Amino acid sequence: MSRQISRLSFEELSNEAQALLSARVERLGYLGEFFRCTGHQPAILVPFMQMTENLKKALPDKITELGALTIASLATNNYERHQHERLSVRLGFEPEWVAAVEALDPDAHPLLSETEQAVQRFLIAAVRQHGRNVAVEFESVVDIIGADQAIALLFLIGRYLTHALIVNTLELAPPVPSIFAGVDGQ
């Protein structure tokens, strides 16, 4: 874990970052290490988190969580994956659905709807192929969820890959365990 990046306290964050994160810190009961590190760049962190909130408005919860879990699993970002497992369950999605998403095999899981399967097929292809040669998968998604949501999905990929690069580079430990901890050793 990088110790060259000092961990800021909530009080050390910029006023704008504090205002943006206060409800989250209050709800969770802690300031995540991601924010304690990235708080050094409030002019980037604040729009990044505003983008996160805007993505939640642009996409249905189930598609947002499918995207977050898929990309976190592909990028081995357990920090985000564990948090989104918990959020998915809080939003009313069954743990079995979360496990089906994290299996990264959309055609093998009947718990995923046809829409969710198509979206996950696209997400996997886009991440693994860096957005190249994914026209068939993307057009399928546009046909199903429409152009506006498909563009939001592209931004969602960028958001969660950015988070993964930061967390993995800084070797940040997940703030919470997987919902499957103890079940399968995750």
N, C-alpha and C. Protein backbone atom coordinates (compact mmCIF):
# COMPACT_ATOMS: atom_id res chain seq x y z
N MET A 1 0.85 -1.17 0.00
CA MET A 1 0.00 0.00 0.00
C MET A 1 0.89 1.23 0.00
N SER A 2 0.60 2.16 -0.87
CA SER A 2 1.41 3.38 -0.96
C SER A 2 1.23 4.23 0.30
N ARG A 3 2.34 4.48 0.95
CA ARG A 3 2.32 5.35 2.13
C ARG A 3 2.83 6.74 1.79
N GLN A 4 3.25 6.95 0.54
CA GLN A 4 3.71 8.27 0.14
C GLN A 4 2.55 9.24 -0.05
N ILE A 5 1.36 8.72 -0.18
CA ILE A 5 0.16 9.56 -0.28
C ILE A 5 -0.45 9.62 1.11
N SER A 6 -0.36 10.78 1.74
CA SER A 6 -0.92 10.90 3.09
C SER A 6 -2.44 10.75 3.03
N ARG A 7 -2.98 10.18 4.07
CA ARG A 7 -4.42 9.98 4.19
C ARG A 7 -5.01 11.18 4.92
N LEU A 8 -5.88 11.90 4.23
CA LEU A 8 -6.50 13.09 4.80
C LEU A 8 -7.66 12.70 5.70
N SER A 9 -7.87 13.49 6.73
CA SER A 9 -9.07 13.33 7.54
C SER A 9 -10.21 14.08 6.85
N PHE A 10 -11.41 13.85 7.30
CA PHE A 10 -12.56 14.56 6.73
C PHE A 10 -12.36 16.07 6.84
N GLU A 11 -11.86 16.52 7.98
CA GLU A 11 -11.66 17.95 8.23
C GLU A 11 -10.59 18.54 7.32
N GLU A 12 -9.69 17.73 6.80
CA GLU A 12 -8.63 18.22 5.92
C GLU A 12 -9.08 18.32 4.46
N LEU A 13 -10.23 17.75 4.13
CA LEU A 13 -10.75 17.85 2.77
C LEU A 13 -11.18 19.29 2.49
N SER A 14 -11.21 19.65 1.21
CA SER A 14 -11.70 20.97 0.85
C SER A 14 -13.16 21.10 1.29
N ASN A 15 -13.61 22.34 1.45
CA ASN A 15 -15.01 22.57 1.84
C ASN A 15 -15.97 21.95 0.85
N GLU A 16 -15.65 22.05 -0.45
CA GLU A 16 -16.52 21.49 -1.48
C GLU A 16 -16.59 19.96 -1.38
N ALA A 17 -15.44 19.34 -1.13
CA ALA A 17 -15.41 17.88 -0.99
C ALA A 17 -16.16 17.45 0.28
N GLN A 18 -15.99 18.19 1.35
CA GLN A 18 -16.72 17.88 2.58
C GLN A 18 -18.23 17.96 2.35
N ALA A 19 -18.66 19.01 1.68
CA ALA A 19 -20.10 19.17 1.42
C ALA A 19 -20.63 18.02 0.58
N LEU A 20 -19.85 17.61 -0.40
CA LEU A 20 -20.28 16.53 -1.29
C LEU A 20 -20.30 15.17 -0.59
N LEU A 21 -19.36 14.95 0.32
CA LEU A 21 -19.20 13.64 0.94
C LEU A 21 -19.84 13.51 2.33
N SER A 22 -20.29 14.59 2.91
CA SER A 22 -20.77 14.53 4.30
C SER A 22 -21.91 13.53 4.50
N ALA A 23 -22.90 13.52 3.61
CA ALA A 23 -24.02 12.59 3.77
C ALA A 23 -23.54 11.15 3.65
N ARG A 24 -22.61 10.89 2.75
CA ARG A 24 -22.07 9.54 2.56
C ARG A 24 -21.30 9.10 3.81
N VAL A 25 -20.47 9.98 4.33
CA VAL A 25 -19.67 9.65 5.52
C VAL A 25 -20.60 9.41 6.71
N GLU A 26 -21.63 10.22 6.82
CA GLU A 26 -22.60 10.05 7.90
C GLU A 26 -23.33 8.71 7.78
N ARG A 27 -23.75 8.36 6.55
CA ARG A 27 -24.47 7.11 6.33
C ARG A 27 -23.59 5.90 6.58
N LEU A 28 -22.34 5.95 6.09
CA LEU A 28 -21.45 4.80 6.22
C LEU A 28 -20.75 4.74 7.58
N GLY A 29 -20.56 5.89 8.19
CA GLY A 29 -19.86 5.92 9.47
C GLY A 29 -18.34 6.00 9.34
N TYR A 30 -17.85 6.20 8.12
CA TYR A 30 -16.40 6.33 7.92
C TYR A 30 -16.12 7.08 6.63
N LEU A 31 -14.92 7.64 6.54
CA LEU A 31 -14.44 8.26 5.31
C LEU A 31 -13.52 7.24 4.67
N GLY A 32 -13.93 6.71 3.53
CA GLY A 32 -13.15 5.68 2.85
C GLY A 32 -11.76 6.15 2.47
N GLU A 33 -10.86 5.20 2.44
CA GLU A 33 -9.47 5.52 2.11
C GLU A 33 -9.35 6.08 0.70
N PHE A 34 -10.23 5.68 -0.21
CA PHE A 34 -10.25 6.25 -1.56
C PHE A 34 -10.36 7.77 -1.47
N PHE A 35 -11.29 8.26 -0.68
CA PHE A 35 -11.49 9.70 -0.54
C PHE A 35 -10.37 10.34 0.26
N ARG A 36 -9.83 9.61 1.22
CA ARG A 36 -8.73 10.13 2.04
C ARG A 36 -7.49 10.36 1.17
N CYS A 37 -7.34 9.58 0.11
CA CYS A 37 -6.22 9.76 -0.82
C CYS A 37 -6.56 10.75 -1.93
N THR A 38 -7.69 10.56 -2.59
CA THR A 38 -8.03 11.40 -3.74
C THR A 38 -8.44 12.80 -3.32
N GLY A 39 -8.69 13.01 -2.05
CA GLY A 39 -9.01 14.34 -1.54
C GLY A 39 -7.90 15.35 -1.77
N HIS A 40 -6.71 14.88 -2.10
CA HIS A 40 -5.60 15.77 -2.43
C HIS A 40 -5.88 16.55 -3.72
N GLN A 41 -6.82 16.07 -4.52
CA GLN A 41 -7.18 16.73 -5.78
C GLN A 41 -8.69 17.02 -5.80
N PRO A 42 -9.13 17.95 -4.95
CA PRO A 42 -10.57 18.21 -4.88
C PRO A 42 -11.18 18.70 -6.19
N ALA A 43 -10.41 19.40 -7.01
CA ALA A 43 -10.95 19.91 -8.27
C ALA A 43 -11.23 18.77 -9.25
N ILE A 44 -10.64 17.60 -9.01
CA ILE A 44 -10.92 16.42 -9.83
C ILE A 44 -11.90 15.50 -9.10
N LEU A 45 -11.70 15.32 -7.81
CA LEU A 45 -12.56 14.42 -7.02
C LEU A 45 -14.02 14.88 -7.05
N VAL A 46 -14.27 16.15 -6.86
CA VAL A 46 -15.65 16.64 -6.78
C VAL A 46 -16.40 16.38 -8.09
N PRO A 47 -15.86 16.74 -9.27
CA PRO A 47 -16.60 16.41 -10.51
C PRO A 47 -16.71 14.90 -10.74
N PHE A 48 -15.72 14.15 -10.29
CA PHE A 48 -15.77 12.69 -10.40
C PHE A 48 -16.97 12.15 -9.63
N MET A 49 -17.18 12.65 -8.43
CA MET A 49 -18.30 12.20 -7.62
C MET A 49 -19.63 12.77 -8.15
N GLN A 50 -19.60 13.95 -8.73
CA GLN A 50 -20.80 14.48 -9.37
C GLN A 50 -21.17 13.62 -10.57
N MET A 51 -20.15 13.15 -11.30
CA MET A 51 -20.40 12.23 -12.41
C MET A 51 -21.06 10.95 -11.90
N THR A 52 -20.57 10.45 -10.78
CA THR A 52 -21.15 9.25 -10.19
C THR A 52 -22.63 9.45 -9.90
N GLU A 53 -22.97 10.58 -9.30
CA GLU A 53 -24.37 10.88 -8.98
C GLU A 53 -25.20 11.04 -10.25
N ASN A 54 -24.63 11.68 -11.26
CA ASN A 54 -25.35 11.87 -12.53
C ASN A 54 -25.58 10.53 -13.23
N LEU A 55 -24.63 9.62 -13.12
CA LEU A 55 -24.81 8.29 -13.72
C LEU A 55 -25.95 7.55 -13.04
N LYS A 56 -26.09 7.73 -11.73
CA LYS A 56 -27.20 7.09 -11.01
C LYS A 56 -28.55 7.59 -11.51
N LYS A 57 -28.59 8.84 -11.95
CA LYS A 57 -29.83 9.43 -12.49
C LYS A 57 -30.06 9.00 -13.93
N ALA A 58 -28.98 8.73 -14.66
CA ALA A 58 -29.08 8.42 -16.09
C ALA A 58 -29.43 6.97 -16.38
N LEU A 59 -29.16 6.09 -15.40
CA LEU A 59 -29.36 4.66 -15.60
C LEU A 59 -30.22 4.08 -14.49
N PRO A 60 -30.99 3.04 -14.78
CA PRO A 60 -31.72 2.35 -13.71
C PRO A 60 -30.73 1.72 -12.73
N ASP A 61 -31.16 1.61 -11.47
CA ASP A 61 -30.28 1.05 -10.43
C ASP A 61 -29.68 -0.29 -10.83
N LYS A 62 -30.50 -1.16 -11.40
CA LYS A 62 -30.01 -2.51 -11.69
C LYS A 62 -28.92 -2.48 -12.75
N ILE A 63 -29.02 -1.60 -13.74
CA ILE A 63 -27.99 -1.48 -14.77
C ILE A 63 -26.73 -0.85 -14.17
N THR A 64 -26.91 0.15 -13.32
CA THR A 64 -25.76 0.78 -12.65
C THR A 64 -25.01 -0.25 -11.82
N GLU A 65 -25.74 -1.04 -11.03
CA GLU A 65 -25.07 -2.03 -10.18
C GLU A 65 -24.46 -3.16 -11.02
N LEU A 66 -25.14 -3.57 -12.06
CA LEU A 66 -24.58 -4.57 -12.98
C LEU A 66 -23.25 -4.06 -13.53
N GLY A 67 -23.23 -2.79 -13.95
CA GLY A 67 -22.00 -2.20 -14.48
C GLY A 67 -20.91 -2.09 -13.44
N ALA A 68 -21.24 -1.58 -12.27
CA ALA A 68 -20.24 -1.42 -11.21
C ALA A 68 -19.65 -2.77 -10.81
N LEU A 69 -20.51 -3.76 -10.60
CA LEU A 69 -20.03 -5.09 -10.19
C LEU A 69 -19.22 -5.76 -11.29
N THR A 70 -19.66 -5.64 -12.53
CA THR A 70 -18.96 -6.26 -13.65
C THR A 70 -17.57 -5.67 -13.81
N ILE A 71 -17.49 -4.35 -13.83
CA ILE A 71 -16.19 -3.70 -14.05
C ILE A 71 -15.28 -3.91 -12.85
N ALA A 72 -15.82 -3.83 -11.64
CA ALA A 72 -14.99 -4.09 -10.46
C ALA A 72 -14.46 -5.52 -10.47
N SER A 73 -15.28 -6.46 -10.91
CA SER A 73 -14.82 -7.86 -10.99
C SER A 73 -13.76 -8.01 -12.07
N LEU A 74 -13.98 -7.43 -13.24
CA LEU A 74 -13.00 -7.52 -14.32
C LEU A 74 -11.67 -6.88 -13.94
N ALA A 75 -11.72 -5.77 -13.21
CA ALA A 75 -10.52 -5.02 -12.85
C ALA A 75 -9.93 -5.45 -11.51
N THR A 76 -10.49 -6.49 -10.91
CA THR A 76 -10.06 -6.97 -9.60
C THR A 76 -10.02 -5.82 -8.59
N ASN A 77 -11.08 -5.05 -8.57
CA ASN A 77 -11.22 -3.93 -7.64
C ASN A 77 -12.16 -4.36 -6.52
N ASN A 78 -11.62 -5.09 -5.56
CA ASN A 78 -12.44 -5.58 -4.45
C ASN A 78 -12.96 -4.45 -3.58
N TYR A 79 -12.26 -3.33 -3.54
CA TYR A 79 -12.70 -2.17 -2.77
C TYR A 79 -14.11 -1.77 -3.23
N GLU A 80 -14.28 -1.59 -4.53
CA GLU A 80 -15.57 -1.18 -5.08
C GLU A 80 -16.55 -2.36 -5.16
N ARG A 81 -16.03 -3.54 -5.50
CA ARG A 81 -16.91 -4.70 -5.64
C ARG A 81 -17.64 -5.00 -4.35
N HIS A 82 -16.92 -5.03 -3.23
CA HIS A 82 -17.56 -5.33 -1.95
C HIS A 82 -18.62 -4.29 -1.58
N GLN A 83 -18.30 -3.02 -1.84
CA GLN A 83 -19.27 -1.97 -1.51
C GLN A 83 -20.52 -2.08 -2.38
N HIS A 84 -20.33 -2.41 -3.67
CA HIS A 84 -21.49 -2.51 -4.55
C HIS A 84 -22.28 -3.79 -4.33
N GLU A 85 -21.64 -4.84 -3.81
CA GLU A 85 -22.41 -6.01 -3.40
C GLU A 85 -23.41 -5.59 -2.33
N ARG A 86 -22.93 -4.85 -1.35
CA ARG A 86 -23.77 -4.41 -0.24
C ARG A 86 -24.86 -3.45 -0.71
N LEU A 87 -24.48 -2.52 -1.58
CA LEU A 87 -25.46 -1.58 -2.11
C LEU A 87 -26.53 -2.31 -2.91
N SER A 88 -26.13 -3.28 -3.71
CA SER A 88 -27.10 -4.05 -4.50
C SER A 88 -28.13 -4.73 -3.60
N VAL A 89 -27.67 -5.33 -2.52
CA VAL A 89 -28.58 -5.99 -1.59
C VAL A 89 -29.48 -4.95 -0.91
N ARG A 90 -28.90 -3.80 -0.53
CA ARG A 90 -29.72 -2.73 0.07
C ARG A 90 -30.79 -2.23 -0.89
N LEU A 91 -30.48 -2.26 -2.18
CA LEU A 91 -31.44 -1.83 -3.19
C LEU A 91 -32.50 -2.90 -3.49
N GLY A 92 -32.36 -4.07 -2.85
CA GLY A 92 -33.36 -5.13 -3.01
C GLY A 92 -32.98 -6.22 -3.98
N PHE A 93 -31.77 -6.23 -4.50
CA PHE A 93 -31.34 -7.27 -5.42
C PHE A 93 -30.82 -8.45 -4.60
N GLU A 94 -31.18 -9.62 -5.00
CA GLU A 94 -30.83 -10.84 -4.27
C GLU A 94 -29.33 -11.12 -4.35
N PRO A 95 -28.75 -11.67 -3.28
CA PRO A 95 -27.33 -12.07 -3.33
C PRO A 95 -27.04 -13.03 -4.49
N GLU A 96 -28.01 -13.86 -4.86
CA GLU A 96 -27.82 -14.78 -5.98
C GLU A 96 -27.65 -14.01 -7.29
N TRP A 97 -28.37 -12.89 -7.42
CA TRP A 97 -28.21 -12.05 -8.60
C TRP A 97 -26.80 -11.44 -8.63
N VAL A 98 -26.35 -10.96 -7.46
CA VAL A 98 -24.99 -10.40 -7.36
C VAL A 98 -23.97 -11.46 -7.77
N ALA A 99 -24.12 -12.67 -7.27
CA ALA A 99 -23.18 -13.76 -7.62
C ALA A 99 -23.23 -14.06 -9.11
N ALA A 100 -24.42 -14.02 -9.70
CA ALA A 100 -24.54 -14.27 -11.14
C ALA A 100 -23.81 -13.19 -11.93
N VAL A 101 -23.93 -11.95 -11.52
CA VAL A 101 -23.22 -10.85 -12.19
C VAL A 101 -21.72 -11.06 -12.07
N GLU A 102 -21.26 -11.37 -10.87
CA GLU A 102 -19.83 -11.49 -10.62
C GLU A 102 -19.21 -12.72 -11.29
N ALA A 103 -20.02 -13.67 -11.73
CA ALA A 103 -19.50 -14.83 -12.45
C ALA A 103 -18.97 -14.44 -13.83
N LEU A 104 -19.38 -13.29 -14.33
CA LEU A 104 -18.92 -12.76 -15.63
C LEU A 104 -19.18 -13.72 -16.79
N ASP A 105 -20.31 -14.40 -16.71
CA ASP A 105 -20.72 -15.34 -17.76
C ASP A 105 -22.22 -15.14 -17.99
N PRO A 106 -22.59 -14.04 -18.63
CA PRO A 106 -24.00 -13.66 -18.69
C PRO A 106 -24.92 -14.70 -19.33
N ASP A 107 -24.42 -15.46 -20.27
CA ASP A 107 -25.29 -16.42 -20.96
C ASP A 107 -25.55 -17.68 -20.13
N ALA A 108 -24.79 -17.84 -19.05
CA ALA A 108 -24.94 -19.04 -18.22
C ALA A 108 -25.83 -18.81 -17.00
N HIS A 109 -26.36 -17.61 -16.86
CA HIS A 109 -27.10 -17.29 -15.64
C HIS A 109 -28.52 -16.82 -15.94
N PRO A 110 -29.51 -17.69 -15.71
CA PRO A 110 -30.90 -17.32 -15.96
C PRO A 110 -31.41 -16.23 -15.00
N LEU A 111 -30.66 -15.94 -13.92
CA LEU A 111 -31.08 -14.87 -13.02
C LEU A 111 -30.92 -13.50 -13.67
N LEU A 112 -30.13 -13.43 -14.73
CA LEU A 112 -29.97 -12.16 -15.44
C LEU A 112 -31.00 -12.09 -16.56
N SER A 113 -31.66 -10.95 -16.64
CA SER A 113 -32.64 -10.75 -17.71
C SER A 113 -31.91 -10.65 -19.05
N GLU A 114 -32.67 -10.71 -20.14
CA GLU A 114 -32.07 -10.57 -21.46
C GLU A 114 -31.35 -9.22 -21.58
N THR A 115 -31.94 -8.18 -21.04
CA THR A 115 -31.31 -6.86 -21.06
C THR A 115 -30.00 -6.89 -20.29
N GLU A 116 -30.03 -7.45 -19.09
CA GLU A 116 -28.82 -7.52 -18.26
C GLU A 116 -27.74 -8.36 -18.93
N GLN A 117 -28.13 -9.45 -19.59
CA GLN A 117 -27.16 -10.27 -20.30
C GLN A 117 -26.51 -9.48 -21.43
N ALA A 118 -27.31 -8.76 -22.20
CA ALA A 118 -26.76 -7.97 -23.31
C ALA A 118 -25.83 -6.88 -22.80
N VAL A 119 -26.24 -6.21 -21.74
CA VAL A 119 -25.41 -5.15 -21.17
C VAL A 119 -24.10 -5.73 -20.65
N GLN A 120 -24.17 -6.86 -19.94
CA GLN A 120 -22.94 -7.43 -19.42
C GLN A 120 -22.04 -7.95 -20.54
N ARG A 121 -22.61 -8.54 -21.58
CA ARG A 121 -21.80 -8.97 -22.72
C ARG A 121 -21.02 -7.78 -23.28
N PHE A 122 -21.72 -6.67 -23.44
CA PHE A 122 -21.05 -5.47 -23.95
C PHE A 122 -19.97 -4.98 -22.99
N LEU A 123 -20.29 -4.88 -21.70
CA LEU A 123 -19.31 -4.39 -20.72
C LEU A 123 -18.05 -5.24 -20.74
N ILE A 124 -18.21 -6.55 -20.75
CA ILE A 124 -17.06 -7.45 -20.75
C ILE A 124 -16.24 -7.25 -22.02
N ALA A 125 -16.90 -7.20 -23.15
CA ALA A 125 -16.18 -7.01 -24.42
C ALA A 125 -15.48 -5.66 -24.44
N ALA A 126 -16.18 -4.61 -24.04
CA ALA A 126 -15.60 -3.26 -24.09
C ALA A 126 -14.36 -3.15 -23.21
N VAL A 127 -14.42 -3.70 -22.00
CA VAL A 127 -13.27 -3.62 -21.10
C VAL A 127 -12.13 -4.50 -21.60
N ARG A 128 -12.43 -5.72 -21.93
CA ARG A 128 -11.37 -6.64 -22.36
C ARG A 128 -10.73 -6.22 -23.68
N GLN A 129 -11.52 -5.60 -24.55
CA GLN A 129 -11.02 -5.24 -25.88
C GLN A 129 -10.74 -3.74 -26.00
N HIS A 130 -10.78 -3.05 -24.86
CA HIS A 130 -10.50 -1.61 -24.82
C HIS A 130 -11.39 -0.83 -25.79
N GLY A 131 -12.62 -1.27 -25.94
CA GLY A 131 -13.59 -0.59 -26.79
C GLY A 131 -13.44 -0.86 -28.28
N ARG A 132 -12.52 -1.73 -28.63
CA ARG A 132 -12.31 -2.04 -30.05
C ARG A 132 -13.12 -3.27 -30.46
N ASN A 133 -13.67 -3.21 -31.66
CA ASN A 133 -14.40 -4.34 -32.23
C ASN A 133 -15.55 -4.81 -31.35
N VAL A 134 -16.29 -3.85 -30.81
CA VAL A 134 -17.44 -4.18 -29.96
C VAL A 134 -18.75 -3.62 -30.53
N ALA A 135 -18.74 -3.31 -31.82
CA ALA A 135 -19.92 -2.69 -32.44
C ALA A 135 -21.16 -3.56 -32.32
N VAL A 136 -21.01 -4.86 -32.52
CA VAL A 136 -22.18 -5.75 -32.46
C VAL A 136 -22.79 -5.72 -31.06
N GLU A 137 -21.94 -5.84 -30.04
CA GLU A 137 -22.42 -5.84 -28.66
C GLU A 137 -23.03 -4.48 -28.29
N PHE A 138 -22.38 -3.40 -28.74
CA PHE A 138 -22.87 -2.06 -28.41
C PHE A 138 -24.21 -1.78 -29.10
N GLU A 139 -24.31 -2.12 -30.37
CA GLU A 139 -25.57 -1.89 -31.10
C GLU A 139 -26.71 -2.67 -30.47
N SER A 140 -26.42 -3.86 -29.98
CA SER A 140 -27.44 -4.65 -29.29
C SER A 140 -27.93 -3.91 -28.04
N VAL A 141 -27.00 -3.33 -27.30
CA VAL A 141 -27.36 -2.57 -26.10
C VAL A 141 -28.17 -1.33 -26.47
N VAL A 142 -27.76 -0.62 -27.51
CA VAL A 142 -28.51 0.57 -27.94
C VAL A 142 -29.94 0.17 -28.32
N ASP A 143 -30.08 -0.95 -29.04
CA ASP A 143 -31.41 -1.42 -29.42
C ASP A 143 -32.29 -1.69 -28.20
N ILE A 144 -31.69 -2.16 -27.14
CA ILE A 144 -32.47 -2.57 -25.96
C ILE A 144 -32.73 -1.41 -25.00
N ILE A 145 -31.69 -0.60 -24.69
CA ILE A 145 -31.85 0.44 -23.66
C ILE A 145 -31.89 1.85 -24.23
N GLY A 146 -31.64 2.00 -25.51
CA GLY A 146 -31.71 3.31 -26.14
C GLY A 146 -30.37 4.03 -26.12
N ALA A 147 -30.29 5.02 -26.97
CA ALA A 147 -29.03 5.76 -27.16
C ALA A 147 -28.59 6.50 -25.90
N ASP A 148 -29.52 7.17 -25.21
CA ASP A 148 -29.15 7.95 -24.04
C ASP A 148 -28.53 7.08 -22.96
N GLN A 149 -29.18 5.97 -22.65
CA GLN A 149 -28.64 5.09 -21.62
C GLN A 149 -27.37 4.38 -22.09
N ALA A 150 -27.26 4.09 -23.38
CA ALA A 150 -26.04 3.45 -23.90
C ALA A 150 -24.84 4.39 -23.75
N ILE A 151 -25.05 5.67 -24.00
CA ILE A 151 -23.95 6.64 -23.82
C ILE A 151 -23.61 6.74 -22.33
N ALA A 152 -24.61 6.75 -21.48
CA ALA A 152 -24.35 6.77 -20.03
C ALA A 152 -23.54 5.55 -19.62
N LEU A 153 -23.85 4.41 -20.23
CA LEU A 153 -23.12 3.19 -19.94
C LEU A 153 -21.63 3.32 -20.30
N LEU A 154 -21.34 4.01 -21.40
CA LEU A 154 -19.94 4.25 -21.77
C LEU A 154 -19.23 5.09 -20.70
N PHE A 155 -19.92 6.11 -20.21
CA PHE A 155 -19.34 6.92 -19.14
C PHE A 155 -19.16 6.10 -17.86
N LEU A 156 -20.11 5.21 -17.60
CA LEU A 156 -20.03 4.35 -16.41
C LEU A 156 -18.77 3.47 -16.47
N ILE A 157 -18.46 2.95 -17.64
CA ILE A 157 -17.24 2.15 -17.80
C ILE A 157 -16.03 2.98 -17.40
N GLY A 158 -15.95 4.19 -17.94
CA GLY A 158 -14.81 5.06 -17.63
C GLY A 158 -14.73 5.39 -16.15
N ARG A 159 -15.86 5.63 -15.52
CA ARG A 159 -15.87 5.97 -14.10
C ARG A 159 -15.33 4.83 -13.26
N TYR A 160 -15.82 3.61 -13.52
CA TYR A 160 -15.40 2.48 -12.68
C TYR A 160 -14.00 1.98 -13.02
N LEU A 161 -13.56 2.15 -14.25
CA LEU A 161 -12.16 1.82 -14.56
C LEU A 161 -11.21 2.82 -13.90
N THR A 162 -11.59 4.09 -13.88
CA THR A 162 -10.77 5.09 -13.20
C THR A 162 -10.63 4.75 -11.73
N HIS A 163 -11.74 4.42 -11.10
CA HIS A 163 -11.70 4.05 -9.68
C HIS A 163 -10.77 2.85 -9.48
N ALA A 164 -10.90 1.84 -10.34
CA ALA A 164 -10.08 0.64 -10.21
C ALA A 164 -8.59 0.96 -10.36
N LEU A 165 -8.24 1.81 -11.30
CA LEU A 165 -6.84 2.16 -11.49
C LEU A 165 -6.28 2.86 -10.26
N ILE A 166 -7.06 3.75 -9.66
CA ILE A 166 -6.61 4.45 -8.46
C ILE A 166 -6.46 3.47 -7.29
N VAL A 167 -7.49 2.69 -7.04
CA VAL A 167 -7.48 1.75 -5.90
C VAL A 167 -6.37 0.71 -6.06
N ASN A 168 -6.26 0.15 -7.25
CA ASN A 168 -5.26 -0.89 -7.46
C ASN A 168 -3.84 -0.33 -7.41
N THR A 169 -3.63 0.87 -7.95
CA THR A 169 -2.31 1.49 -7.88
C THR A 169 -1.91 1.78 -6.45
N LEU A 170 -2.84 2.32 -5.67
CA LEU A 170 -2.56 2.66 -4.27
C LEU A 170 -2.66 1.45 -3.34
N GLU A 171 -3.09 0.31 -3.90
CA GLU A 171 -3.25 -0.94 -3.13
C GLU A 171 -4.13 -0.73 -1.90
N LEU A 172 -5.28 -0.09 -2.12
CA LEU A 172 -6.20 0.18 -1.02
C LEU A 172 -7.01 -1.07 -0.68
N ALA A 173 -7.07 -1.38 0.58
CA ALA A 173 -7.84 -2.53 1.04
C ALA A 173 -9.31 -2.18 1.06
N PRO A 174 -10.17 -3.15 0.76
CA PRO A 174 -11.61 -2.89 0.83
C PRO A 174 -12.02 -2.46 2.24
N PRO A 175 -12.88 -1.45 2.35
CA PRO A 175 -13.31 -1.01 3.68
C PRO A 175 -14.31 -1.95 4.33
N VAL A 176 -14.93 -2.81 3.54
CA VAL A 176 -15.90 -3.78 4.04
C VAL A 176 -15.63 -5.12 3.37
N PRO A 177 -15.98 -6.21 4.03
CA PRO A 177 -15.80 -7.53 3.40
C PRO A 177 -16.89 -7.79 2.35
N SER A 178 -16.62 -8.76 1.53
CA SER A 178 -17.61 -9.21 0.55
C SER A 178 -18.82 -9.76 1.29
N ILE A 179 -19.99 -9.65 0.67
CA ILE A 179 -21.18 -10.27 1.26
C ILE A 179 -21.04 -11.78 1.25
N PHE A 180 -20.10 -12.29 0.46
CA PHE A 180 -19.88 -13.71 0.36
C PHE A 180 -18.70 -14.17 1.22
N ALA A 181 -18.14 -13.29 2.03
CA ALA A 181 -17.00 -13.65 2.87
C ALA A 181 -17.39 -14.80 3.78
N GLY A 182 -16.54 -15.78 3.84
CA GLY A 182 -16.82 -16.94 4.65
C GLY A 182 -17.62 -18.01 3.91
N VAL A 183 -18.31 -17.60 2.85
CA VAL A 183 -19.09 -18.56 2.08
C VAL A 183 -18.20 -19.28 1.08
N ASP A 184 -17.41 -18.48 0.35
CA ASP A 184 -16.52 -19.07 -0.64
C ASP A 184 -15.10 -18.53 -0.56
N GLY A 185 -14.78 -17.93 0.58
CA GLY A 185 -13.42 -17.49 0.79
C GLY A 185 -13.06 -16.16 0.17
N GLN A 186 -14.03 -15.46 -0.44
CA GLN A 186 -13.70 -14.17 -1.05
C GLN A 186 -13.39 -13.13 0.00
